[in-house]
Amino acid sequence: MYEAAAGVVGATLSCMDAMMEGRCRRAFVPIAGLHHAARNRAAGFCVFNDCGVAIEQLKRAGLAHVAYVDIDAHHGDGVFYAFEDDAKVVFADLHEDGRFLYPGTGAAGETGRGPAVGMKLNVPLPPGSDDEVFASVWPRVLAHLTKYEPEFIILQCGADSLEGDPITHLRFSPQVHGRAARDLKALAESLGHGRVLALGGGGYNRTNLAQAWTSVVENLL
């Protein structure tokens, strides 16, 4: 388990390095996006939090703002609480309301602490939320990111937010994931760097995984 989990982190960091060195502008790591692990413990099928490790490395590289966007059905609690008071990390998370789904966090009032107050956007969605609901709240995410002009964007594109997942209750179509990838790519290009690192995240319906992540890759290209 240790070797497998470490390999996930290594895959994410390899892509991050390639992007920072200018060898590519975008990348997708389907096995990655393990957003529940905390700094000192495993949680929610996640041993190490590759998202958080990448963010730490990007901060060490001197970036002023790193953006983390999460459309997995579950709240990215491991990332949120690790950087809740960090003014270099812009956070935006659309997820099923924690009153109905693990890990029970990510309320709309959780907007950051200390110097990072207002830099964290949590958008809990009621069970059954579909593409129309996504379309109504997604502009808030884009506006939030644009305000801080991030120099690197991480997208955790968990496919468990698609209709038909056996353990969640959202009803997105694969087009939602494609739109997220397309819009974030456009934002990154408009900011002059083009850097979007997509991480697969969760998903427990194999057809949904194939359709959502294919849509992500198509739109990143």
Protein backbone atom coordinates (compact mmCIF):
# COMPACT_ATOMS: atom_id res chain seq x y z
CA MET A 1 0.00 0.00 0.00
CA TYR A 2 2.82 2.41 0.85
CA GLU A 3 4.54 1.92 -2.51
CA ALA A 4 1.29 2.30 -4.46
CA ALA A 5 0.28 5.46 -2.59
CA ALA A 6 3.76 6.95 -2.95
CA GLY A 7 3.63 6.19 -6.67
CA VAL A 8 0.46 8.26 -6.98
CA VAL A 9 2.19 11.22 -5.37
CA GLY A 10 5.18 10.70 -7.64
CA ALA A 11 2.99 10.69 -10.75
CA THR A 12 1.37 13.97 -9.74
CA LEU A 13 4.72 15.58 -8.95
CA SER A 14 6.25 14.36 -12.23
CA CYS A 15 3.49 16.07 -14.18
CA MET A 16 3.76 19.20 -12.05
CA ASP A 17 7.51 19.36 -12.69
CA ALA A 18 7.02 18.93 -16.44
CA MET A 19 4.57 21.81 -16.46
CA MET A 20 6.76 24.09 -14.36
CA GLU A 21 9.75 23.33 -16.58
CA GLY A 22 7.76 24.18 -19.70
CA ARG A 23 7.81 20.65 -21.15
CA CYS A 24 4.00 20.64 -21.30
CA ARG A 25 1.16 23.00 -20.42
CA ARG A 26 -1.49 20.55 -19.22
CA ALA A 27 -1.60 17.02 -17.83
CA PHE A 28 -4.07 14.44 -16.53
CA VAL A 29 -3.32 11.80 -13.87
CA PRO A 30 -6.36 9.49 -13.58
CA ILE A 31 -5.17 7.59 -10.50
CA ALA A 32 -4.47 10.76 -8.53
CA GLY A 33 -6.56 13.38 -6.69
CA LEU A 34 -6.60 11.69 -3.27
CA HIS A 35 -8.10 14.67 -1.51
CA HIS A 36 -9.18 13.26 1.87
CA ALA A 37 -5.83 12.38 3.44
CA ALA A 38 -4.61 14.88 6.03
CA ARG A 39 -1.04 15.90 6.80
CA ASN A 40 -0.81 13.31 9.57
CA ARG A 41 -3.30 10.57 8.70
CA ALA A 42 -5.01 8.62 5.94
CA ALA A 43 -8.76 9.01 5.33
CA GLY A 44 -11.49 8.17 2.84
CA PHE A 45 -9.59 5.71 0.57
CA CYS A 46 -6.66 8.18 0.51
CA VAL A 47 -3.29 7.33 2.08
CA PHE A 48 -1.29 10.38 0.92
CA ASN A 49 -2.80 13.61 -0.36
CA ASP A 50 -1.01 14.13 -3.67
CA CYS A 51 -2.99 17.34 -4.25
CA GLY A 52 -1.65 18.86 -1.06
CA VAL A 53 1.91 17.70 -1.70
CA ALA A 54 1.82 19.33 -5.13
CA ILE A 55 0.49 22.57 -3.66
CA GLU A 56 3.31 22.61 -1.09
CA GLN A 57 5.88 22.12 -3.85
CA LEU A 58 4.36 24.89 -5.96
CA LYS A 59 4.48 27.25 -3.00
CA ARG A 60 8.15 26.41 -2.50
CA ALA A 61 8.72 27.24 -6.15
CA GLY A 62 7.65 30.79 -5.32
CA LEU A 63 4.22 31.00 -6.93
CA ALA A 64 2.07 33.77 -5.48
CA HIS A 65 -1.24 31.94 -5.91
CA VAL A 66 -2.05 28.30 -6.59
CA ALA A 67 -5.69 27.40 -7.36
CA TYR A 68 -7.33 24.14 -6.34
CA VAL A 69 -10.72 23.35 -7.93
CA ASP A 70 -12.68 20.25 -6.90
CA ILE A 71 -15.84 18.86 -8.59
CA ASP A 72 -15.75 15.44 -6.91
CA ALA A 73 -19.02 14.61 -5.12
CA HIS A 74 -17.16 14.54 -1.81
CA HIS A 75 -15.73 17.66 -0.16
CA GLY A 76 -11.95 17.91 -0.52
CA ASP A 77 -11.50 18.21 3.22
CA GLY A 78 -7.87 17.10 3.28
CA VAL A 79 -6.89 19.98 1.02
CA PHE A 80 -9.24 22.53 2.55
CA TYR A 81 -8.17 22.13 6.17
CA ALA A 82 -4.48 21.81 5.31
CA PHE A 83 -4.57 25.24 3.67
CA GLU A 84 -7.55 26.89 5.39
CA ASP A 85 -5.45 29.83 6.60
CA ASP A 86 -3.02 29.94 3.67
CA ALA A 87 -3.33 33.09 1.58
CA LYS A 88 -1.38 31.56 -1.30
CA VAL A 89 -3.96 28.86 -1.96
CA VAL A 90 -7.19 29.73 -3.77
CA PHE A 91 -9.77 27.02 -3.10
CA ALA A 92 -13.08 26.28 -4.84
CA ASP A 93 -15.10 23.12 -4.22
CA LEU A 94 -18.49 22.03 -5.59
CA HIS A 95 -19.72 18.94 -3.73
CA GLU A 96 -22.75 17.16 -2.38
CA ASP A 97 -23.95 18.73 0.87
CA GLY A 98 -22.07 17.20 3.79
CA ARG A 99 -25.31 16.53 5.63
CA PHE A 100 -25.91 13.71 3.16
CA LEU A 101 -22.44 12.44 2.29
CA TYR A 102 -18.96 11.77 3.68
CA PRO A 103 -16.96 13.61 5.02
CA GLY A 104 -19.72 15.89 6.33
CA THR A 105 -17.75 19.09 5.80
CA GLY A 106 -17.59 21.94 3.30
CA ALA A 107 -20.40 24.20 4.46
CA ALA A 108 -20.91 27.45 2.55
CA GLY A 109 -19.75 29.39 5.61
CA GLU A 110 -16.31 27.77 5.50
CA THR A 111 -14.50 30.53 3.61
CA GLY A 112 -11.02 30.38 5.14
CA ARG A 113 -9.37 31.67 8.29
CA GLY A 114 -6.92 34.39 9.23
CA PRO A 115 -5.14 35.92 6.23
CA ALA A 116 -7.06 33.58 3.88
CA VAL A 117 -10.59 34.63 4.84
CA GLY A 118 -12.65 34.87 1.66
CA MET A 119 -10.14 32.91 -0.44
CA LYS A 120 -11.94 29.60 0.02
CA LEU A 121 -15.21 28.89 -1.77
CA ASN A 122 -17.34 25.92 -0.72
CA VAL A 123 -20.54 25.28 -2.66
CA PRO A 124 -22.56 22.42 -1.12
CA LEU A 125 -25.18 21.03 -3.51
CA PRO A 126 -28.38 19.18 -2.60
CA PRO A 127 -28.73 15.51 -3.61
CA GLY A 128 -30.03 15.19 -7.16
CA SER A 129 -28.24 18.29 -8.44
CA ASP A 130 -27.81 18.05 -12.21
CA ASP A 131 -26.12 19.92 -15.08
CA GLU A 132 -28.53 22.82 -14.76
CA VAL A 133 -27.56 23.30 -11.10
CA PHE A 134 -23.88 23.08 -12.01
CA ALA A 135 -24.35 25.72 -14.71
CA SER A 136 -25.94 28.04 -12.18
CA VAL A 137 -23.04 27.92 -9.70
CA TRP A 138 -19.98 27.34 -11.91
CA PRO A 139 -19.64 31.04 -12.87
CA ARG A 140 -19.06 31.76 -9.17
CA VAL A 141 -16.05 29.45 -9.25
CA LEU A 142 -14.59 31.12 -12.35
CA ALA A 143 -15.12 34.59 -10.89
CA HIS A 144 -13.49 33.50 -7.63
CA LEU A 145 -10.41 32.19 -9.41
CA THR A 146 -10.12 35.14 -11.77
CA LYS A 147 -10.02 37.53 -8.82
CA TYR A 148 -6.74 36.02 -7.58
CA GLU A 149 -5.04 35.30 -10.94
CA PRO A 150 -3.55 31.91 -9.99
CA GLU A 151 -0.27 30.90 -11.62
CA PHE A 152 -1.12 27.19 -11.57
CA ILE A 153 -4.52 25.45 -11.53
CA ILE A 154 -5.22 21.99 -10.12
CA LEU A 155 -8.55 20.37 -11.05
CA GLN A 156 -9.72 17.39 -9.01
CA CYS A 157 -12.30 15.95 -11.40
CA GLY A 158 -13.82 13.06 -9.46
CA ALA A 159 -16.36 11.17 -11.55
CA ASP A 160 -18.48 10.19 -8.55
CA SER A 161 -20.52 13.34 -9.12
CA LEU A 162 -22.01 11.76 -12.27
CA GLU A 163 -25.50 10.27 -12.30
CA GLY A 164 -25.45 6.56 -11.55
CA ASP A 165 -22.57 6.48 -9.09
CA PRO A 166 -23.41 3.83 -6.45
CA ILE A 167 -22.35 5.80 -3.37
CA THR A 168 -23.27 9.43 -4.14
CA HIS A 169 -26.41 11.34 -5.11
CA LEU A 170 -25.46 14.00 -7.66
CA ARG A 171 -26.65 13.72 -11.27
CA PHE A 172 -24.06 15.44 -13.44
CA SER A 173 -23.37 14.29 -17.00
CA PRO A 174 -19.85 13.91 -18.47
CA GLN A 175 -20.36 17.28 -20.14
CA VAL A 176 -19.94 18.95 -16.74
CA HIS A 177 -16.41 17.59 -16.42
CA GLY A 178 -15.62 18.59 -19.98
CA ARG A 179 -16.86 22.10 -19.37
CA ALA A 180 -14.81 22.42 -16.18
CA ALA A 181 -11.65 21.37 -18.01
CA ARG A 182 -12.36 23.63 -20.99
CA ASP A 183 -13.13 26.71 -18.90
CA LEU A 184 -10.13 26.26 -16.63
CA LYS A 185 -7.88 25.77 -19.66
CA ALA A 186 -9.24 29.02 -21.12
CA LEU A 187 -8.68 30.83 -17.83
CA ALA A 188 -5.13 29.54 -17.57
CA GLU A 189 -4.41 30.61 -21.13
CA SER A 190 -5.85 34.06 -20.49
CA LEU A 191 -3.51 34.40 -17.50
CA GLY A 192 -0.56 33.67 -19.74
CA HIS A 193 0.68 30.32 -18.41
CA GLY A 194 -1.86 27.71 -19.55
CA ARG A 195 -1.06 25.38 -16.65
CA VAL A 196 -3.90 23.01 -15.66
CA LEU A 197 -3.13 19.76 -13.83
CA ALA A 198 -6.19 17.48 -13.77
CA LEU A 199 -6.39 14.67 -11.19
CA GLY A 200 -8.93 11.87 -11.47
CA GLY A 201 -10.27 11.64 -7.93
CA GLY A 202 -13.17 9.37 -7.02
CA GLY A 203 -15.71 7.44 -9.03
CA TYR A 204 -17.28 4.02 -8.50
CA ASN A 205 -19.07 3.42 -11.81
CA ARG A 206 -16.59 2.40 -14.51
CA THR A 207 -18.66 3.70 -17.39
CA ASN A 208 -18.89 7.07 -15.68
CA LEU A 209 -15.13 7.09 -15.12
CA ALA A 210 -14.47 6.44 -18.80
CA GLN A 211 -16.92 9.07 -20.02
CA ALA A 212 -16.05 11.82 -17.52
CA TRP A 213 -12.30 11.51 -17.84
CA THR A 214 -12.37 11.15 -21.62
CA SER A 215 -14.32 14.40 -21.69
CA VAL A 216 -11.69 16.03 -19.47
CA VAL A 217 -8.82 14.93 -21.71
CA GLU A 218 -10.64 15.99 -24.90
CA ASN A 219 -11.21 19.45 -23.50
CA LEU A 220 -7.70 19.84 -22.11
CA LEU A 221 -6.43 19.08 -25.61
